Each structure stands twice: as structure tokens, then as C-alpha cells.
Amino acid sequence: MAINFLKAAEFLQEELQEFYRVLRRGNDSPAIRTAAERLRTAMNQIEPLAGDPGDAWKDLAPEQQWGYLRVLSHLGTADHELKGATKRTQL
């Protein structure tokens, strides 16, 4: 079964947006911890898809190639944001 990188990227982007919504609400540490855990779970689901596609890259449609790059970008952003949340709330 082929991986749909566009769907994976959308899923992770939605989880990031939800995390940001919680952060914008203020310094509610329990809510931030819950949102961080949800984002970590999403990352754990998507990370296995982010391995180097190797030769399969050339077989991906251009929109799937962009989806793959978005997945990598969102994973990096999520990792960065979770590190920041850990510092702010001592998660």
C-alpha cells in the first residue's frame, strides 16, 4: 500500500494547529501538557513514514513529493515546539 504523504502532512499540521491554539489560551500547564502529549502521539504515528524514500522518490507523484517534504517540515516544527513547551512547563 502506498503512503499518502499529503494526508499525513495534513494530519500533523492539524495537530500542530491544535497545539498552538492551546498555547495561545495562556499558561494553563495541565492543558499544555495534554496538548503536548497529543502532539507527541501524532509525531510517533507519522515518524515511521519520514524515512528516506530512496529510489522510491522518483516514483512518487510531484504532489506526494511535496507532501513528504511537508511531513518532514511539520515533524521538525513539532519537535522544536515540544522542546519549548517542555522548558516552559517542565513537562
C-alpha atoms as a PDB file:
ATOM      1  CA  MET A   1       0.000   0.000   0.000  1.00  0.00           C
ATOM      2  CA  ALA A   2       1.372   3.405  -0.975  1.00  0.00           C
ATOM      3  CA  ILE A   3       1.809   6.066   1.662  1.00  0.00           C
ATOM      4  CA  ASN A   4      -0.318   9.168   1.214  1.00  0.00           C
ATOM      5  CA  PHE A   5       2.095  11.862   2.337  1.00  0.00           C
ATOM      6  CA  LEU A   6      -0.480  14.589   1.706  1.00  0.00           C
ATOM      7  CA  LYS A   7      -2.861  13.063   4.261  1.00  0.00           C
ATOM      8  CA  ALA A   8      -0.028  12.518   6.734  1.00  0.00           C
ATOM      9  CA  ALA A   9       1.108  16.134   6.343  1.00  0.00           C
ATOM     10  CA  GLU A  10      -2.447  17.438   6.804  1.00  0.00           C
ATOM     11  CA  PHE A  11      -2.919  15.322   9.924  1.00  0.00           C
ATOM     12  CA  LEU A  12       0.290  16.570  11.508  1.00  0.00           C
ATOM     13  CA  GLN A  13      -0.463  20.165  10.524  1.00  0.00           C
ATOM     14  CA  GLU A  14      -3.872  19.929  12.208  1.00  0.00           C
ATOM     15  CA  GLU A  15      -2.262  18.563  15.367  1.00  0.00           C
ATOM     16  CA  LEU A  16       0.257  21.419  15.342  1.00  0.00           C
ATOM     17  CA  GLN A  17      -2.543  23.952  14.922  1.00  0.00           C
ATOM     18  CA  GLU A  18      -4.424  22.458  17.871  1.00  0.00           C
ATOM     19  CA  PHE A  19      -1.257  22.642  19.963  1.00  0.00           C
ATOM     20  CA  TYR A  20      -0.854  26.318  19.029  1.00  0.00           C
ATOM     21  CA  ARG A  21      -4.494  27.013  19.960  1.00  0.00           C
ATOM     22  CA  VAL A  22      -3.844  25.657  23.450  1.00  0.00           C
ATOM     23  CA  LEU A  23      -0.665  27.715  23.794  1.00  0.00           C
ATOM     24  CA  ARG A  24      -2.496  30.895  22.780  1.00  0.00           C
ATOM     25  CA  ARG A  25      -5.056  30.367  25.556  1.00  0.00           C
ATOM     26  CA  GLY A  26      -2.443  31.103  28.195  1.00  0.00           C
ATOM     27  CA  ASN A  27      -0.305  29.429  30.816  1.00  0.00           C
ATOM     28  CA  ASP A  28      -2.618  26.538  31.691  1.00  0.00           C
ATOM     29  CA  SER A  29       0.121  23.982  32.339  1.00  0.00           C
ATOM     30  CA  PRO A  30      -2.188  20.930  32.513  1.00  0.00           C
ATOM     31  CA  ALA A  31      -3.793  21.862  29.191  1.00  0.00           C
ATOM     32  CA  ILE A  32      -0.384  22.450  27.624  1.00  0.00           C
ATOM     33  CA  ARG A  33       0.841  19.087  28.913  1.00  0.00           C
ATOM     34  CA  THR A  34      -2.216  17.366  27.421  1.00  0.00           C
ATOM     35  CA  ALA A  35      -1.748  19.144  24.096  1.00  0.00           C
ATOM     36  CA  ALA A  36       1.955  18.270  24.100  1.00  0.00           C
ATOM     37  CA  GLU A  37       1.171  14.620  24.716  1.00  0.00           C
ATOM     38  CA  ARG A  38      -1.348  14.647  21.875  1.00  0.00           C
ATOM     39  CA  LEU A  39       1.261  16.201  19.564  1.00  0.00           C
ATOM     40  CA  ARG A  40       3.868  13.624  20.676  1.00  0.00           C
ATOM     41  CA  THR A  41       1.412  10.839  19.863  1.00  0.00           C
ATOM     42  CA  ALA A  42       0.809  12.303  16.406  1.00  0.00           C
ATOM     43  CA  MET A  43       4.558  12.570  15.836  1.00  0.00           C
ATOM     44  CA  ASN A  44       5.032   8.941  16.873  1.00  0.00           C
ATOM     45  CA  GLN A  45       2.405   7.902  14.319  1.00  0.00           C
ATOM     46  CA  ILE A  46       3.962   9.910  11.483  1.00  0.00           C
ATOM     47  CA  GLU A  47       7.691   9.491  12.158  1.00  0.00           C
ATOM     48  CA  PRO A  48       7.873   5.985  10.646  1.00  0.00           C
ATOM     49  CA  LEU A  49       6.697   7.489   7.335  1.00  0.00           C
ATOM     50  CA  ALA A  50       9.512  10.031   7.300  1.00  0.00           C
ATOM     51  CA  GLY A  51      12.329   7.662   6.484  1.00  0.00           C
ATOM     52  CA  ASP A  52      14.403   8.300   3.389  1.00  0.00           C
ATOM     53  CA  PRO A  53      12.312   7.089   0.438  1.00  0.00           C
ATOM     54  CA  GLY A  54      15.479   6.245  -1.502  1.00  0.00           C
ATOM     55  CA  ASP A  55      14.842   5.190  -5.079  1.00  0.00           C
ATOM     56  CA  ALA A  56      11.083   5.255  -4.497  1.00  0.00           C
ATOM     57  CA  TRP A  57      11.319   9.076  -4.529  1.00  0.00           C
ATOM     58  CA  LYS A  58      11.384   9.157  -8.322  1.00  0.00           C
ATOM     59  CA  ASP A  59       8.194   7.084  -8.450  1.00  0.00           C
ATOM     60  CA  LEU A  60       6.244   9.489  -6.254  1.00  0.00           C
ATOM     61  CA  ALA A  61       3.899  11.921  -7.936  1.00  0.00           C
ATOM     62  CA  PRO A  62       5.042  15.548  -7.520  1.00  0.00           C
ATOM     63  CA  GLU A  63       2.241  16.314  -5.049  1.00  0.00           C
ATOM     64  CA  GLN A  64       3.313  13.313  -2.947  1.00  0.00           C
ATOM     65  CA  GLN A  65       6.909  14.527  -3.031  1.00  0.00           C
ATOM     66  CA  TRP A  66       5.718  17.873  -1.679  1.00  0.00           C
ATOM     67  CA  GLY A  67       3.627  16.021   0.898  1.00  0.00           C
ATOM     68  CA  TYR A  68       6.716  14.129   2.034  1.00  0.00           C
ATOM     69  CA  LEU A  69       8.650  17.388   2.395  1.00  0.00           C
ATOM     70  CA  ARG A  70       5.757  18.874   4.375  1.00  0.00           C
ATOM     71  CA  VAL A  71       5.791  15.838   6.686  1.00  0.00           C
ATOM     72  CA  LEU A  72       9.495  16.393   7.364  1.00  0.00           C
ATOM     73  CA  SER A  73       8.927  20.085   7.981  1.00  0.00           C
ATOM     74  CA  HIS A  74       5.994  19.515  10.335  1.00  0.00           C
ATOM     75  CA  LEU A  75       7.944  16.892  12.270  1.00  0.00           C
ATOM     76  CA  GLY A  76      10.800  19.342  12.739  1.00  0.00           C
ATOM     77  CA  THR A  77       8.415  22.081  13.820  1.00  0.00           C
ATOM     78  CA  ALA A  78       6.606  19.782  16.241  1.00  0.00           C
ATOM     79  CA  ASP A  79       9.889  18.640  17.770  1.00  0.00           C
ATOM     80  CA  HIS A  80      11.011  22.248  18.209  1.00  0.00           C
ATOM     81  CA  GLU A  81       7.687  23.303  19.748  1.00  0.00           C
ATOM     82  CA  LEU A  82       7.630  20.383  22.159  1.00  0.00           C
ATOM     83  CA  LYS A  83      11.125  21.222  23.372  1.00  0.00           C
ATOM     84  CA  GLY A  84       9.956  24.793  24.005  1.00  0.00           C
ATOM     85  CA  ALA A  85       6.844  23.597  25.813  1.00  0.00           C
ATOM     86  CA  THR A  86       8.971  21.341  27.995  1.00  0.00           C
ATOM     87  CA  LYS A  87      11.089  24.284  29.060  1.00  0.00           C
ATOM     88  CA  ARG A  88       8.044  26.449  29.783  1.00  0.00           C
ATOM     89  CA  THR A  89       6.028  23.913  31.731  1.00  0.00           C
ATOM     90  CA  GLN A  90       8.643  21.420  32.974  1.00  0.00           C
ATOM     91  CA  LEU A  91       6.826  18.550  31.199  1.00  0.00           C
END
